[in-house]
Amino acid sequence: MTALRIVALCLAAALVCAALRSVHPQVAAAAALAAGVAALTLSLDDLGGVSSALRALEGTAEAGGADGGWLVKLCGLALVAELASDVCRDAGEAALARRIDMGVRLSAAAAALPLAARILERISELLA
């Protein structure tokens, strides 16, 4: 049901933005940003459900407490970065959107290195 609300909100916002873009491009960009934030706010309940499911999965896999927290933070970072990069593209700043994407990829890779090191250690222990 939440997905339908988000789709309806975004479609209505797209129509409003298309009508405003030729007359007031700044207002259209602000309306698109507001709709994106509203859509993200509507999805917070679902994000909480995903977070609790990941924590339950973490408990059954007996992973360390930091691993699941890292995954939840990475999912949040990806959502915020996607919103920011879409806003930049809508504003005509494709280069800035690519820099946001690149920065998030680098941050995710840097955050994943300790986890990758632990996985490689466990693999080497199993092979030894």
Protein backbone atom coordinates (compact mmCIF):
# COMPACT_ATOMS: atom_id res chain seq x y z
CA MET A 1 0.00 0.00 0.00
CA THR A 2 2.87 2.36 0.78
CA ALA A 3 4.34 1.77 -2.65
CA LEU A 4 1.12 2.91 -4.30
CA ARG A 5 1.14 6.10 -2.23
CA ILE A 6 4.74 6.78 -3.22
CA VAL A 7 3.99 6.15 -6.90
CA ALA A 8 0.94 8.46 -6.77
CA LEU A 9 2.90 11.17 -4.97
CA CYS A 10 5.79 11.00 -7.44
CA LEU A 11 3.54 10.98 -10.49
CA ALA A 12 1.63 14.01 -9.20
CA ALA A 13 4.90 15.77 -8.40
CA ALA A 14 6.24 14.96 -11.87
CA LEU A 15 3.19 16.54 -13.47
CA VAL A 16 3.51 19.64 -11.28
CA CYS A 17 7.23 19.88 -12.03
CA ALA A 18 6.67 19.51 -15.76
CA ALA A 19 4.12 22.33 -15.67
CA LEU A 20 6.38 24.59 -13.59
CA ARG A 21 9.71 23.85 -15.27
CA SER A 22 9.24 26.17 -18.24
CA VAL A 23 8.04 29.11 -16.13
CA HIS A 24 9.86 28.66 -12.79
CA PRO A 25 12.65 26.08 -12.99
CA GLN A 26 13.80 26.80 -9.41
CA VAL A 27 10.33 26.13 -8.02
CA ALA A 28 10.11 22.93 -10.05
CA ALA A 29 13.43 21.74 -8.60
CA ALA A 30 12.24 22.58 -5.07
CA ALA A 31 8.96 20.73 -5.68
CA ALA A 32 10.87 17.68 -6.93
CA LEU A 33 13.11 17.77 -3.87
CA ALA A 34 10.12 18.08 -1.54
CA ALA A 35 8.38 15.17 -3.25
CA GLY A 36 11.54 13.06 -2.96
CA VAL A 37 11.84 13.79 0.75
CA ALA A 38 8.13 13.03 1.23
CA ALA A 39 8.52 9.72 -0.63
CA LEU A 40 11.51 8.83 1.52
CA THR A 41 9.53 9.71 4.64
CA LEU A 42 6.67 7.49 3.51
CA SER A 43 9.07 4.59 3.11
CA LEU A 44 10.59 4.88 6.61
CA ASP A 45 8.21 2.26 8.04
CA ASP A 46 9.25 -0.21 5.36
CA LEU A 47 12.89 0.67 5.97
CA GLY A 48 12.37 -0.14 9.65
CA GLY A 49 10.95 -3.53 8.66
CA VAL A 50 13.95 -4.22 6.45
CA SER A 51 16.26 -3.19 9.27
CA SER A 52 14.63 -5.57 11.75
CA ALA A 53 14.70 -8.39 9.17
CA LEU A 54 18.42 -7.79 8.61
CA ARG A 55 19.03 -7.86 12.35
CA ALA A 56 17.11 -11.16 12.63
CA LEU A 57 19.15 -12.58 9.76
CA GLU A 58 22.29 -11.38 11.48
CA GLY A 59 21.27 -13.21 14.65
CA THR A 60 20.66 -16.49 12.84
CA ALA A 61 23.94 -16.25 10.96
CA GLU A 62 25.76 -15.48 14.22
CA ALA A 63 27.55 -12.60 12.57
CA GLY A 64 29.23 -9.93 14.63
CA GLY A 65 27.12 -7.00 15.76
CA ALA A 66 29.02 -4.55 13.56
CA ASP A 67 28.30 -6.45 10.34
CA GLY A 68 24.51 -6.00 10.37
CA GLY A 69 24.80 -2.40 11.51
CA TRP A 70 27.17 -1.74 8.65
CA LEU A 71 24.70 -3.18 6.18
CA VAL A 72 21.82 -1.06 7.51
CA LYS A 73 23.95 2.09 7.37
CA LEU A 74 25.04 1.26 3.84
CA CYS A 75 21.42 0.83 2.73
CA GLY A 76 20.54 4.23 4.24
CA LEU A 77 23.54 5.83 2.60
CA ALA A 78 22.54 4.39 -0.77
CA LEU A 79 19.00 5.75 -0.46
CA VAL A 80 20.13 9.25 0.51
CA ALA A 81 22.80 9.31 -2.18
CA GLU A 82 20.35 8.19 -4.84
CA LEU A 83 17.95 10.96 -3.84
CA ALA A 84 20.73 13.56 -3.92
CA SER A 85 22.06 12.36 -7.25
CA ASP A 86 18.57 12.39 -8.79
CA VAL A 87 18.03 15.95 -7.56
CA CYS A 88 21.33 16.98 -9.14
CA ARG A 89 20.34 15.35 -12.44
CA ASP A 90 16.95 17.07 -12.34
CA ALA A 91 18.70 20.39 -11.78
CA GLY A 92 20.84 19.76 -14.87
CA GLU A 93 24.01 19.00 -12.92
CA ALA A 94 24.88 15.55 -14.24
CA ALA A 95 28.56 15.96 -13.34
CA LEU A 96 27.69 16.57 -9.68
CA ALA A 97 25.39 13.55 -9.71
CA ARG A 98 28.25 11.38 -10.98
CA ARG A 99 30.52 12.74 -8.22
CA ILE A 100 27.92 11.80 -5.61
CA ASP A 101 27.69 8.30 -7.08
CA MET A 102 31.47 7.94 -7.13
CA GLY A 103 31.83 9.22 -3.56
CA VAL A 104 29.22 6.78 -2.27
CA ARG A 105 30.88 3.87 -4.07
CA LEU A 106 34.24 4.78 -2.56
CA SER A 107 32.75 5.16 0.91
CA ALA A 108 30.97 1.82 0.61
CA ALA A 109 34.14 0.10 -0.55
CA ALA A 110 36.14 1.61 2.30
CA ALA A 111 33.52 0.56 4.83
CA ALA A 112 33.42 -2.98 3.40
CA LEU A 113 37.17 -3.59 3.64
CA PRO A 114 37.18 -4.74 7.30
CA LEU A 115 34.30 -7.11 6.60
CA ALA A 116 36.05 -8.46 3.50
CA ALA A 117 39.22 -8.99 5.54
CA ARG A 118 37.28 -11.01 8.14
CA ILE A 119 35.69 -13.12 5.41
CA LEU A 120 39.10 -13.85 3.88
CA GLU A 121 40.47 -14.77 7.31
CA ARG A 122 37.65 -17.24 7.86
CA ILE A 123 38.13 -18.74 4.42
CA SER A 124 41.85 -19.18 5.07
CA GLU A 125 41.08 -20.80 8.46
CA LEU A 126 38.73 -23.25 6.77
CA LEU A 127 41.29 -24.11 4.10
CA ALA A 128 44.13 -24.57 6.61
